[in-house]
Amino acid sequence: MYEIFAKLLQLHGVTAYRVSKETGISQTTFSAWKNGISVPKQEKLEKIADYFDVSIDYLMGRDETVSDEDLELNAYLEELRTRPEMKMLFSLTKNATKQEVERAVKVIEALLGGD
């Protein structure tokens, strides 16, 4: 389970410390999971799954229906949500791939005189 948690941390660009603060799950708990000292309880699994917007089955490695590309796209979109000039993009991304979203971002940035 911890390997999937670590992958989600990386994809979302957050630290275990931040997840700890935002979910109320102690860093000691994360450390115990990482070191195989304990296993996550249901309520903590639910908090983490909700935090990363994945299923508990995915978090536990029992459900592979969420692809790495989907996770990367979600993390990328989450990052873009903080940029006001990108708000118009979200109505277009419902069924888009990460590459399509990246192209749309480049077009919007070019129109706005960005990079």
PDB file of N, CA and C in Angstrom:
ATOM      1  N   MET A   1       0.825  -1.187   0.000  1.00  0.00           N
ATOM      2  CA  MET A   1       0.000   0.000   0.000  1.00  0.00           C
ATOM      3  C   MET A   1       0.867   1.248   0.000  1.00  0.00           C
ATOM      4  N   TYR A   2       1.959   1.236   0.777  1.00  0.00           N
ATOM      5  CA  TYR A   2       2.772   2.442   0.873  1.00  0.00           C
ATOM      6  C   TYR A   2       3.378   2.836  -0.476  1.00  0.00           C
ATOM      7  N   GLU A   3       3.708   1.848  -1.306  1.00  0.00           N
ATOM      8  CA  GLU A   3       4.286   2.162  -2.611  1.00  0.00           C
ATOM      9  C   GLU A   3       3.313   2.983  -3.455  1.00  0.00           C
ATOM     10  N   ILE A   4       2.049   2.616  -3.386  1.00  0.00           N
ATOM     11  CA  ILE A   4       1.027   3.361  -4.133  1.00  0.00           C
ATOM     12  C   ILE A   4       0.857   4.750  -3.533  1.00  0.00           C
ATOM     13  N   PHE A   5       0.866   4.841  -2.207  1.00  0.00           N
ATOM     14  CA  PHE A   5       0.793   6.132  -1.524  1.00  0.00           C
ATOM     15  C   PHE A   5       1.962   7.019  -1.959  1.00  0.00           C
ATOM     16  N   ALA A   6       3.171   6.474  -1.989  1.00  0.00           N
ATOM     17  CA  ALA A   6       4.353   7.244  -2.392  1.00  0.00           C
ATOM     18  C   ALA A   6       4.230   7.719  -3.839  1.00  0.00           C
ATOM     19  N   LYS A   7       3.685   6.862  -4.694  1.00  0.00           N
ATOM     20  CA  LYS A   7       3.472   7.226  -6.098  1.00  0.00           C
ATOM     21  C   LYS A   7       2.473   8.382  -6.207  1.00  0.00           C
ATOM     22  N   LEU A   8       1.412   8.323  -5.410  1.00  0.00           N
ATOM     23  CA  LEU A   8       0.419   9.400  -5.416  1.00  0.00           C
ATOM     24  C   LEU A   8       1.025  10.709  -4.910  1.00  0.00           C
ATOM     25  N   LEU A   9       1.878  10.619  -3.900  1.00  0.00           N
ATOM     26  CA  LEU A   9       2.568  11.820  -3.400  1.00  0.00           C
ATOM     27  C   LEU A   9       3.357  12.475  -4.524  1.00  0.00           C
ATOM     28  N   GLN A  10       4.105  11.651  -5.246  1.00  0.00           N
ATOM     29  CA  GLN A  10       4.935  12.157  -6.326  1.00  0.00           C
ATOM     30  C   GLN A  10       4.082  12.762  -7.442  1.00  0.00           C
ATOM     31  N   LEU A  11       3.057  12.067  -7.847  1.00  0.00           N
ATOM     32  CA  LEU A  11       2.214  12.546  -8.948  1.00  0.00           C
ATOM     33  C   LEU A  11       1.506  13.851  -8.607  1.00  0.00           C
ATOM     34  N   HIS A  12       1.129  13.991  -7.346  1.00  0.00           N
ATOM     35  CA  HIS A  12       0.411  15.199  -6.931  1.00  0.00           C
ATOM     36  C   HIS A  12       1.344  16.298  -6.440  1.00  0.00           C
ATOM     37  N   GLY A  13       2.620  15.988  -6.372  1.00  0.00           N
ATOM     38  CA  GLY A  13       3.598  16.989  -5.950  1.00  0.00           C
ATOM     39  C   GLY A  13       3.408  17.439  -4.515  1.00  0.00           C
ATOM     40  N   VAL A  14       3.022  16.522  -3.651  1.00  0.00           N
ATOM     41  CA  VAL A  14       2.843  16.853  -2.235  1.00  0.00           C
ATOM     42  C   VAL A  14       3.737  15.955  -1.389  1.00  0.00           C
ATOM     43  N   THR A  15       3.941  16.362  -0.162  1.00  0.00           N
ATOM     44  CA  THR A  15       4.742  15.579   0.771  1.00  0.00           C
ATOM     45  C   THR A  15       3.834  14.835   1.740  1.00  0.00           C
ATOM     46  N   ALA A  16       4.394  13.815   2.369  1.00  0.00           N
ATOM     47  CA  ALA A  16       3.643  13.092   3.396  1.00  0.00           C
ATOM     48  C   ALA A  16       3.297  14.048   4.532  1.00  0.00           C
ATOM     49  N   TYR A  17       4.184  15.003   4.807  1.00  0.00           N
ATOM     50  CA  TYR A  17       3.918  16.000   5.848  1.00  0.00           C
ATOM     51  C   TYR A  17       2.646  16.793   5.527  1.00  0.00           C
ATOM     52  N   ARG A  18       2.535  17.233   4.285  1.00  0.00           N
ATOM     53  CA  ARG A  18       1.344  18.005   3.887  1.00  0.00           C
ATOM     54  C   ARG A  18       0.082  17.147   3.990  1.00  0.00           C
ATOM     55  N   VAL A  19       0.154  15.908   3.511  1.00  0.00           N
ATOM     56  CA  VAL A  19      -1.000  15.008   3.604  1.00  0.00           C
ATOM     57  C   VAL A  19      -1.357  14.794   5.075  1.00  0.00           C
ATOM     58  N   SER A  20      -0.340  14.653   5.906  1.00  0.00           N
ATOM     59  CA  SER A  20      -0.562  14.484   7.342  1.00  0.00           C
ATOM     60  C   SER A  20      -1.337  15.669   7.916  1.00  0.00           C
ATOM     61  N   LYS A  21      -0.882  16.860   7.589  1.00  0.00           N
ATOM     62  CA  LYS A  21      -1.539  18.076   8.107  1.00  0.00           C
ATOM     63  C   LYS A  21      -2.969  18.221   7.582  1.00  0.00           C
ATOM     64  N   GLU A  22      -3.183  17.874   6.329  1.00  0.00           N
ATOM     65  CA  GLU A  22      -4.487  18.091   5.708  1.00  0.00           C
ATOM     66  C   GLU A  22      -5.492  16.971   5.985  1.00  0.00           C
ATOM     67  N   THR A  23      -5.004  15.802   6.401  1.00  0.00           N
ATOM     68  CA  THR A  23      -5.916  14.691   6.690  1.00  0.00           C
ATOM     69  C   THR A  23      -6.017  14.377   8.174  1.00  0.00           C
ATOM     70  N   GLY A  24      -5.049  14.869   8.950  1.00  0.00           N
ATOM     71  CA  GLY A  24      -5.034  14.550  10.374  1.00  0.00           C
ATOM     72  C   GLY A  24      -4.409  13.199  10.691  1.00  0.00           C
ATOM     73  N   ILE A  25      -3.816  12.564   9.689  1.00  0.00           N
ATOM     74  CA  ILE A  25      -3.134  11.291   9.896  1.00  0.00           C
ATOM     75  C   ILE A  25      -1.675  11.609  10.246  1.00  0.00           C
ATOM     76  N   SER A  26      -1.194  11.076  11.343  1.00  0.00           N
ATOM     77  CA  SER A  26       0.154  11.433  11.801  1.00  0.00           C
ATOM     78  C   SER A  26       1.233  10.895  10.872  1.00  0.00           C
ATOM     79  N   GLN A  27       2.356  11.597  10.854  1.00  0.00           N
ATOM     80  CA  GLN A  27       3.493  11.134  10.064  1.00  0.00           C
ATOM     81  C   GLN A  27       4.046   9.833  10.635  1.00  0.00           C
ATOM     82  N   THR A  28       3.889   9.641  11.919  1.00  0.00           N
ATOM     83  CA  THR A  28       4.313   8.393  12.550  1.00  0.00           C
ATOM     84  C   THR A  28       3.538   7.221  11.951  1.00  0.00           C
ATOM     85  N   THR A  29       2.264   7.439  11.691  1.00  0.00           N
ATOM     86  CA  THR A  29       1.432   6.401  11.073  1.00  0.00           C
ATOM     87  C   THR A  29       1.955   6.069   9.681  1.00  0.00           C
ATOM     88  N   PHE A  30       2.263   7.099   8.886  1.00  0.00           N
ATOM     89  CA  PHE A  30       2.808   6.861   7.549  1.00  0.00           C
ATOM     90  C   PHE A  30       4.120   6.083   7.637  1.00  0.00           C
ATOM     91  N   SER A  31       4.958   6.450   8.587  1.00  0.00           N
ATOM     92  CA  SER A  31       6.240   5.768   8.784  1.00  0.00           C
ATOM     93  C   SER A  31       6.038   4.301   9.143  1.00  0.00           C
ATOM     94  N   ALA A  32       5.079   4.039  10.004  1.00  0.00           N
ATOM     95  CA  ALA A  32       4.781   2.655  10.399  1.00  0.00           C
ATOM     96  C   ALA A  32       4.311   1.839   9.201  1.00  0.00           C
ATOM     97  N   TRP A  33       3.514   2.444   8.320  1.00  0.00           N
ATOM     98  CA  TRP A  33       3.068   1.753   7.109  1.00  0.00           C
ATOM     99  C   TRP A  33       4.265   1.465   6.205  1.00  0.00           C
ATOM    100  N   LYS A  34       5.098   2.486   6.034  1.00  0.00           N
ATOM    101  CA  LYS A  34       6.256   2.355   5.150  1.00  0.00           C
ATOM    102  C   LYS A  34       7.176   1.228   5.615  1.00  0.00           C
ATOM    103  N   ASN A  35       7.359   1.129   6.915  1.00  0.00           N
ATOM    104  CA  ASN A  35       8.270   0.142   7.481  1.00  0.00           C
ATOM    105  C   ASN A  35       7.612  -1.203   7.777  1.00  0.00           C
ATOM    106  N   GLY A  36       6.340  -1.350   7.421  1.00  0.00           N
ATOM    107  CA  GLY A  36       5.639  -2.611   7.618  1.00  0.00           C
ATOM    108  C   GLY A  36       5.318  -2.928   9.070  1.00  0.00           C
ATOM    109  N   ILE A  37       5.336  -1.916   9.916  1.00  0.00           N
ATOM    110  CA  ILE A  37       5.043  -2.108  11.335  1.00  0.00           C
ATOM    111  C   ILE A  37       3.541  -2.241  11.575  1.00  0.00           C
ATOM    112  N   SER A  38       2.776  -1.539  10.771  1.00  0.00           N
ATOM    113  CA  SER A  38       1.317  -1.625  10.893  1.00  0.00           C
ATOM    114  C   SER A  38       0.687  -1.522   9.518  1.00  0.00           C
ATOM    115  N   VAL A  39      -0.599  -1.805   9.471  1.00  0.00           N
ATOM    116  CA  VAL A  39      -1.361  -1.662   8.232  1.00  0.00           C
ATOM    117  C   VAL A  39      -2.423  -0.590   8.449  1.00  0.00           C
ATOM    118  N   PRO A  40      -2.801   0.097   7.384  1.00  0.00           N
ATOM    119  CA  PRO A  40      -3.773   1.181   7.519  1.00  0.00           C
ATOM    120  C   PRO A  40      -5.146   0.692   7.956  1.00  0.00           C
ATOM    121  N   LYS A  41      -5.765   1.442   8.833  1.00  0.00           N
ATOM    122  CA  LYS A  41      -7.143   1.163   9.231  1.00  0.00           C
ATOM    123  C   LYS A  41      -8.082   1.774   8.192  1.00  0.00           C
ATOM    124  N   GLN A  42      -9.297   1.250   8.138  1.00  0.00           N
ATOM    125  CA  GLN A  42     -10.293   1.664   7.141  1.00  0.00           C
ATOM    126  C   GLN A  42     -10.503   3.177   7.110  1.00  0.00           C
ATOM    127  N   GLU A  43     -10.663   3.794   8.264  1.00  0.00           N
ATOM    128  CA  GLU A  43     -10.951   5.244   8.289  1.00  0.00           C
ATOM    129  C   GLU A  43      -9.797   6.054   7.706  1.00  0.00           C
ATOM    130  N   LYS A  44      -8.580   5.589   7.923  1.00  0.00           N
ATOM    131  CA  LYS A  44      -7.429   6.310   7.378  1.00  0.00           C
ATOM    132  C   LYS A  44      -7.295   6.060   5.880  1.00  0.00           C
ATOM    133  N   LEU A  45      -7.598   4.855   5.463  1.00  0.00           N
ATOM    134  CA  LEU A  45      -7.617   4.569   4.029  1.00  0.00           C
ATOM    135  C   LEU A  45      -8.627   5.461   3.315  1.00  0.00           C
ATOM    136  N   GLU A  46      -9.788   5.630   3.925  1.00  0.00           N
ATOM    137  CA  GLU A  46     -10.830   6.476   3.328  1.00  0.00           C
ATOM    138  C   GLU A  46     -10.346   7.913   3.198  1.00  0.00           C
ATOM    139  N   LYS A  47      -9.680   8.424   4.224  1.00  0.00           N
ATOM    140  CA  LYS A  47      -9.175   9.803   4.170  1.00  0.00           C
ATOM    141  C   LYS A  47      -8.152   9.977   3.055  1.00  0.00           C
ATOM    142  N   ILE A  48      -7.254   9.011   2.942  1.00  0.00           N
ATOM    143  CA  ILE A  48      -6.225   9.108   1.902  1.00  0.00           C
ATOM    144  C   ILE A  48      -6.839   8.950   0.516  1.00  0.00           C
ATOM    145  N   ALA A  49      -7.730   8.004   0.363  1.00  0.00           N
ATOM    146  CA  ALA A  49      -8.394   7.806  -0.933  1.00  0.00           C
ATOM    147  C   ALA A  49      -9.146   9.072  -1.330  1.00  0.00           C
ATOM    148  N   ASP A  50      -9.866   9.673  -0.393  1.00  0.00           N
ATOM    149  CA  ASP A  50     -10.580  10.927  -0.673  1.00  0.00           C
ATOM    150  C   ASP A  50      -9.605  12.046  -1.026  1.00  0.00           C
ATOM    151  N   TYR A  51      -8.523  12.125  -0.294  1.00  0.00           N
ATOM    152  CA  TYR A  51      -7.528  13.180  -0.517  1.00  0.00           C
ATOM    153  C   TYR A  51      -6.992  13.126  -1.949  1.00  0.00           C
ATOM    154  N   PHE A  52      -6.683  11.922  -2.416  1.00  0.00           N
ATOM    155  CA  PHE A  52      -6.111  11.765  -3.754  1.00  0.00           C
ATOM    156  C   PHE A  52      -7.155  11.457  -4.825  1.00  0.00           C
ATOM    157  N   ASP A  53      -8.418  11.375  -4.437  1.00  0.00           N
ATOM    158  CA  ASP A  53      -9.505  11.097  -5.364  1.00  0.00           C
ATOM    159  C   ASP A  53      -9.300   9.772  -6.105  1.00  0.00           C
ATOM    160  N   VAL A  54      -8.989   8.726  -5.322  1.00  0.00           N
ATOM    161  CA  VAL A  54      -8.871   7.368  -5.853  1.00  0.00           C
ATOM    162  C   VAL A  54      -9.718   6.452  -4.972  1.00  0.00           C
ATOM    163  N   SER A  55      -9.932   5.231  -5.433  1.00  0.00           N
ATOM    164  CA  SER A  55     -10.695   4.279  -4.627  1.00  0.00           C
ATOM    165  C   SER A  55      -9.779   3.628  -3.588  1.00  0.00           C
ATOM    166  N   ILE A  56     -10.381   3.094  -2.545  1.00  0.00           N
ATOM    167  CA  ILE A  56      -9.618   2.345  -1.549  1.00  0.00           C
ATOM    168  C   ILE A  56      -9.012   1.111  -2.203  1.00  0.00           C
ATOM    169  N   ASP A  57      -9.759   0.474  -3.098  1.00  0.00           N
ATOM    170  CA  ASP A  57      -9.220  -0.688  -3.806  1.00  0.00           C
ATOM    171  C   ASP A  57      -7.962  -0.325  -4.582  1.00  0.00           C
ATOM    172  N   TYR A  58      -7.959   0.838  -5.227  1.00  0.00           N
ATOM    173  CA  TYR A  58      -6.759   1.270  -5.944  1.00  0.00           C
ATOM    174  C   TYR A  58      -5.605   1.483  -4.959  1.00  0.00           C
ATOM    175  N   LEU A  59      -5.899   2.164  -3.880  1.00  0.00           N
ATOM    176  CA  LEU A  59      -4.886   2.453  -2.867  1.00  0.00           C
ATOM    177  C   LEU A  59      -4.271   1.175  -2.311  1.00  0.00           C
ATOM    178  N   MET A  60      -5.073   0.135  -2.177  1.00  0.00           N
ATOM    179  CA  MET A  60      -4.595  -1.136  -1.645  1.00  0.00           C
ATOM    180  C   MET A  60      -4.004  -2.053  -2.725  1.00  0.00           C
ATOM    181  N   GLY A  61      -3.997  -1.590  -3.975  1.00  0.00           N
ATOM    182  CA  GLY A  61      -3.415  -2.373  -5.053  1.00  0.00           C
ATOM    183  C   GLY A  61      -4.327  -3.448  -5.600  1.00  0.00           C
ATOM    184  N   ARG A  62      -5.614  -3.362  -5.287  1.00  0.00           N
ATOM    185  CA  ARG A  62      -6.558  -4.381  -5.755  1.00  0.00           C
ATOM    186  C   ARG A  62      -7.313  -3.951  -7.006  1.00  0.00           C
ATOM    187  N   ASP A  63      -7.164  -2.713  -7.408  1.00  0.00           N
ATOM    188  CA  ASP A  63      -7.913  -2.192  -8.550  1.00  0.00           C
ATOM    189  C   ASP A  63      -6.963  -1.416  -9.449  1.00  0.00           C
ATOM    190  N   GLU A  64      -6.781  -1.893 -10.636  1.00  0.00           N
ATOM    191  CA  GLU A  64      -5.869  -1.260 -11.580  1.00  0.00           C
ATOM    192  C   GLU A  64      -6.616  -0.415 -12.619  1.00  0.00           C
ATOM    193  N   THR A  65      -7.893  -0.120 -12.378  1.00  0.00           N
ATOM    194  CA  THR A  65      -8.662   0.606 -13.391  1.00  0.00           C
ATOM    195  C   THR A  65      -8.204   2.049 -13.535  1.00  0.00           C
ATOM    196  N   VAL A  66      -7.536   2.589 -12.532  1.00  0.00           N
ATOM    197  CA  VAL A  66      -6.999   3.944 -12.633  1.00  0.00           C
ATOM    198  C   VAL A  66      -5.594   3.820 -13.193  1.00  0.00           C
ATOM    199  N   SER A  67      -5.382   4.364 -14.371  1.00  0.00           N
ATOM    200  CA  SER A  67      -4.067   4.244 -14.998  1.00  0.00           C
ATOM    201  C   SER A  67      -3.128   5.331 -14.490  1.00  0.00           C
ATOM    202  N   ASP A  68      -1.851   5.117 -14.691  1.00  0.00           N
ATOM    203  CA  ASP A  68      -0.861   6.126 -14.324  1.00  0.00           C
ATOM    204  C   ASP A  68      -1.130   7.425 -15.075  1.00  0.00           C
ATOM    205  N   GLU A  69      -1.553   7.292 -16.329  1.00  0.00           N
ATOM    206  CA  GLU A  69      -1.842   8.489 -17.119  1.00  0.00           C
ATOM    207  C   GLU A  69      -3.006   9.271 -16.519  1.00  0.00           C
ATOM    208  N   ASP A  70      -4.039   8.567 -16.055  1.00  0.00           N
ATOM    209  CA  ASP A  70      -5.166   9.238 -15.413  1.00  0.00           C
ATOM    210  C   ASP A  70      -4.711   9.977 -14.163  1.00  0.00           C
ATOM    211  N   LEU A  71      -3.866   9.328 -13.377  1.00  0.00           N
ATOM    212  CA  LEU A  71      -3.363   9.961 -12.156  1.00  0.00           C
ATOM    213  C   LEU A  71      -2.515  11.180 -12.476  1.00  0.00           C
ATOM    214  N   GLU A  72      -1.673  11.058 -13.497  1.00  0.00           N
ATOM    215  CA  GLU A  72      -0.848  12.192 -13.897  1.00  0.00           C
ATOM    216  C   GLU A  72      -1.711  13.347 -14.376  1.00  0.00           C
ATOM    217  N   LEU A  73      -2.738  13.030 -15.149  1.00  0.00           N
ATOM    218  CA  LEU A  73      -3.640  14.070 -15.636  1.00  0.00           C
ATOM    219  C   LEU A  73      -4.335  14.757 -14.472  1.00  0.00           C
ATOM    220  N   ASN A  74      -4.834  13.985 -13.514  1.00  0.00           N
ATOM    221  CA  ASN A  74      -5.499  14.582 -12.355  1.00  0.00           C
ATOM    222  C   ASN A  74      -4.562  15.483 -11.576  1.00  0.00           C
ATOM    223  N   ALA A  75      -3.323  15.053 -11.388  1.00  0.00           N
ATOM    224  CA  ALA A  75      -2.343  15.865 -10.662  1.00  0.00           C
ATOM    225  C   ALA A  75      -2.050  17.152 -11.442  1.00  0.00           C
ATOM    226  N   TYR A  76      -1.914  17.036 -12.745  1.00  0.00           N
ATOM    227  CA  TYR A  76      -1.646  18.200 -13.589  1.00  0.00           C
ATOM    228  C   TYR A  76      -2.806  19.182 -13.550  1.00  0.00           C
ATOM    229  N   LEU A  77      -4.026  18.665 -13.632  1.00  0.00           N
ATOM    230  CA  LEU A  77      -5.204  19.526 -13.576  1.00  0.00           C
ATOM    231  C   LEU A  77      -5.321  20.215 -12.218  1.00  0.00           C
ATOM    232  N   GLU A  78      -4.989  19.495 -11.180  1.00  0.00           N
ATOM    233  CA  GLU A  78      -5.036  20.080  -9.834  1.00  0.00           C
ATOM    234  C   GLU A  78      -4.076  21.260  -9.743  1.00  0.00           C
ATOM    235  N   GLU A  79      -2.910  21.100 -10.332  1.00  0.00           N
ATOM    236  CA  GLU A  79      -1.930  22.186 -10.356  1.00  0.00           C
ATOM    237  C   GLU A  79      -2.472  23.383 -11.138  1.00  0.00           C
ATOM    238  N   LEU A  80      -3.119  23.099 -12.263  1.00  0.00           N
ATOM    239  CA  LEU A  80      -3.642  24.183 -13.104  1.00  0.00           C
ATOM    240  C   LEU A  80      -4.802  24.926 -12.438  1.00  0.00           C
ATOM    241  N   ARG A  81      -5.542  24.237 -11.579  1.00  0.00           N
ATOM    242  CA  ARG A  81      -6.697  24.874 -10.924  1.00  0.00           C
ATOM    243  C   ARG A  81      -6.309  26.104 -10.107  1.00  0.00           C
ATOM    244  N   THR A  82      -5.053  26.177  -9.717  1.00  0.00           N
ATOM    245  CA  THR A  82      -4.601  27.318  -8.928  1.00  0.00           C
ATOM    246  C   THR A  82      -4.288  28.531  -9.792  1.00  0.00           C
ATOM    247  N   ARG A  83      -4.302  28.347 -11.094  1.00  0.00           N
ATOM    248  CA  ARG A  83      -3.985  29.441 -12.013  1.00  0.00           C
ATOM    249  C   ARG A  83      -5.269  30.025 -12.586  1.00  0.00           C
ATOM    250  N   PRO A  84      -5.625  31.254 -12.207  1.00  0.00           N
ATOM    251  CA  PRO A  84      -6.893  31.847 -12.644  1.00  0.00           C
ATOM    252  C   PRO A  84      -7.083  31.876 -14.154  1.00  0.00           C
ATOM    253  N   GLU A  85      -6.009  32.078 -14.903  1.00  0.00           N
ATOM    254  CA  GLU A  85      -6.146  32.175 -16.356  1.00  0.00           C
ATOM    255  C   GLU A  85      -6.467  30.836 -17.003  1.00  0.00           C
ATOM    256  N   MET A  86      -6.402  29.764 -16.232  1.00  0.00           N
ATOM    257  CA  MET A  86      -6.657  28.436 -16.765  1.00  0.00           C
ATOM    258  C   MET A  86      -8.064  27.917 -16.462  1.00  0.00           C
ATOM    259  N   LYS A  87      -8.882  28.690 -15.778  1.00  0.00           N
ATOM    260  CA  LYS A  87     -10.212  28.223 -15.395  1.00  0.00           C
ATOM    261  C   LYS A  87     -11.063  27.791 -16.585  1.00  0.00           C
ATOM    262  N   MET A  88     -10.946  28.482 -17.707  1.00  0.00           N
ATOM    263  CA  MET A  88     -11.750  28.133 -18.883  1.00  0.00           C
ATOM    264  C   MET A  88     -11.391  26.759 -19.428  1.00  0.00           C
ATOM    265  N   LEU A  89     -10.227  26.286 -19.081  1.00  0.00           N
ATOM    266  CA  LEU A  89      -9.758  25.006 -19.571  1.00  0.00           C
ATOM    267  C   LEU A  89     -10.560  23.823 -19.036  1.00  0.00           C
ATOM    268  N   PHE A  90     -11.088  23.938 -17.842  1.00  0.00           N
ATOM    269  CA  PHE A  90     -11.669  22.774 -17.184  1.00  0.00           C
ATOM    270  C   PHE A  90     -12.927  22.231 -17.841  1.00  0.00           C
ATOM    271  N   SER A  91     -13.663  23.053 -18.531  1.00  0.00           N
ATOM    272  CA  SER A  91     -14.822  22.520 -19.236  1.00  0.00           C
ATOM    273  C   SER A  91     -14.395  21.693 -20.451  1.00  0.00           C
ATOM    274  N   LEU A  92     -13.168  21.882 -20.889  1.00  0.00           N
ATOM    275  CA  LEU A  92     -12.665  21.168 -22.058  1.00  0.00           C
ATOM    276  C   LEU A  92     -11.939  19.872 -21.723  1.00  0.00           C
ATOM    277  N   THR A  93     -11.645  19.637 -20.453  1.00  0.00           N
ATOM    278  CA  THR A  93     -10.760  18.530 -20.091  1.00  0.00           C
ATOM    279  C   THR A  93     -11.461  17.269 -19.622  1.00  0.00           C
ATOM    280  N   LYS A  94     -12.747  17.237 -19.657  1.00  0.00           N
ATOM    281  CA  LYS A  94     -13.467  16.092 -19.100  1.00  0.00           C
ATOM    282  C   LYS A  94     -13.000  14.757 -19.672  1.00  0.00           C
ATOM    283  N   ASN A  95     -12.835  14.676 -20.976  1.00  0.00           N
ATOM    284  CA  ASN A  95     -12.420  13.420 -21.603  1.00  0.00           C
ATOM    285  C   ASN A  95     -11.092  13.539 -22.331  1.00  0.00           C
ATOM    286  N   ALA A  96     -10.287  14.522 -21.954  1.00  0.00           N
ATOM    287  CA  ALA A  96      -9.027  14.769 -22.649  1.00  0.00           C
ATOM    288  C   ALA A  96      -7.896  13.919 -22.085  1.00  0.00           C
ATOM    289  N   THR A  97      -6.882  13.710 -22.924  1.00  0.00           N
ATOM    290  CA  THR A  97      -5.667  13.054 -22.457  1.00  0.00           C
ATOM    291  C   THR A  97      -4.740  14.124 -21.892  1.00  0.00           C
ATOM    292  N   LYS A  98      -3.695  13.690 -21.208  1.00  0.00           N
ATOM    293  CA  LYS A  98      -2.738  14.649 -20.648  1.00  0.00           C
ATOM    294  C   LYS A  98      -2.088  15.467 -21.766  1.00  0.00           C
ATOM    295  N   GLN A  99      -1.763  14.819 -22.880  1.00  0.00           N
ATOM    296  CA  GLN A  99      -1.135  15.533 -23.995  1.00  0.00           C
ATOM    297  C   GLN A  99      -2.076  16.603 -24.569  1.00  0.00           C
ATOM    298  N   GLU A 100      -3.346  16.286 -24.676  1.00  0.00           N
ATOM    299  CA  GLU A 100      -4.316  17.266 -25.179  1.00  0.00           C
ATOM    300  C   GLU A 100      -4.436  18.449 -24.223  1.00  0.00           C
ATOM    301  N   VAL A 101      -4.426  18.177 -22.947  1.00  0.00           N
ATOM    302  CA  VAL A 101      -4.495  19.259 -21.961  1.00  0.00           C
ATOM    303  C   VAL A 101      -3.243  20.123 -22.047  1.00  0.00           C
ATOM    304  N   GLU A 102      -2.089  19.487 -22.155  1.00  0.00           N
ATOM    305  CA  GLU A 102      -0.839  20.250 -22.256  1.00  0.00           C
ATOM    306  C   GLU A 102      -0.842  21.154 -23.491  1.00  0.00           C
ATOM    307  N   ARG A 103      -1.353  20.633 -24.611  1.00  0.00           N
ATOM    308  CA  ARG A 103      -1.448  21.453 -25.824  1.00  0.00           C
ATOM    309  C   ARG A 103      -2.382  22.642 -25.601  1.00  0.00           C
ATOM    310  N   ALA A 104      -3.521  22.399 -24.953  1.00  0.00           N
ATOM    311  CA  ALA A 104      -4.476  23.480 -24.681  1.00  0.00           C
ATOM    312  C   ALA A 104      -3.847  24.537 -23.779  1.00  0.00           C
ATOM    313  N   VAL A 105      -3.100  24.103 -22.791  1.00  0.00           N
ATOM    314  CA  VAL A 105      -2.427  25.052 -21.884  1.00  0.00           C
ATOM    315  C   VAL A 105      -1.446  25.915 -22.667  1.00  0.00           C
ATOM    316  N   LYS A 106      -0.680  25.285 -23.560  1.00  0.00           N
ATOM    317  CA  LYS A 106       0.288  26.046 -24.366  1.00  0.00           C
ATOM    318  C   LYS A 106      -0.415  27.087 -25.225  1.00  0.00           C
ATOM    319  N   VAL A 107      -1.543  26.714 -25.808  1.00  0.00           N
ATOM    320  CA  VAL A 107      -2.301  27.665 -26.635  1.00  0.00           C
ATOM    321  C   VAL A 107      -2.786  28.828 -25.777  1.00  0.00           C
ATOM    322  N   ILE A 108      -3.352  28.521 -24.621  1.00  0.00           N
ATOM    323  CA  ILE A 108      -3.856  29.586 -23.738  1.00  0.00           C
ATOM    324  C   ILE A 108      -2.705  30.490 -23.300  1.00  0.00           C
ATOM    325  N   GLU A 109      -1.581  29.885 -22.901  1.00  0.00           N
ATOM    326  CA  GLU A 109      -0.425  30.689 -22.486  1.00  0.00           C
ATOM    327  C   GLU A 109       0.072  31.578 -23.616  1.00  0.00           C
ATOM    328  N   ALA A 110       0.092  31.053 -24.841  1.00  0.00           N
ATOM    329  CA  ALA A 110       0.540  31.850 -25.985  1.00  0.00           C
ATOM    330  C   ALA A 110      -0.411  33.019 -26.217  1.00  0.00           C
ATOM    331  N   LEU A 111      -1.708  32.754 -26.105  1.00  0.00           N
ATOM    332  CA  LEU A 111      -2.686  33.830 -26.282  1.00  0.00           C
ATOM    333  C   LEU A 111      -2.547  34.913 -25.208  1.00  0.00           C
ATOM    334  N   LEU A 112      -2.142  34.489 -24.015  1.00  0.00           N
ATOM    335  CA  LEU A 112      -1.989  35.442 -22.911  1.00  0.00           C
ATOM    336  C   LEU A 112      -0.608  36.065 -22.884  1.00  0.00           C
ATOM    337  N   GLY A 113       0.253  35.673 -23.822  1.00  0.00           N
ATOM    338  CA  GLY A 113       1.601  36.230 -23.874  1.00  0.00           C
ATOM    339  C   GLY A 113       2.556  35.567 -22.913  1.00  0.00           C
ATOM    340  N   GLY A 114       2.230  34.346 -22.495  1.00  0.00           N
ATOM    341  CA  GLY A 114       3.087  33.594 -21.571  1.00  0.00           C
ATOM    342  C   GLY A 114       4.232  32.954 -22.298  1.00  0.00           C
ATOM    343  N   ASP A 115       4.861  32.000 -21.613  1.00  0.00           N
ATOM    344  CA  ASP A 115       6.050  31.310 -22.140  1.00  0.00           C
ATOM    345  C   ASP A 115       5.801  30.703 -23.480  1.00  0.00           C
TER     346      ASP A 115
END
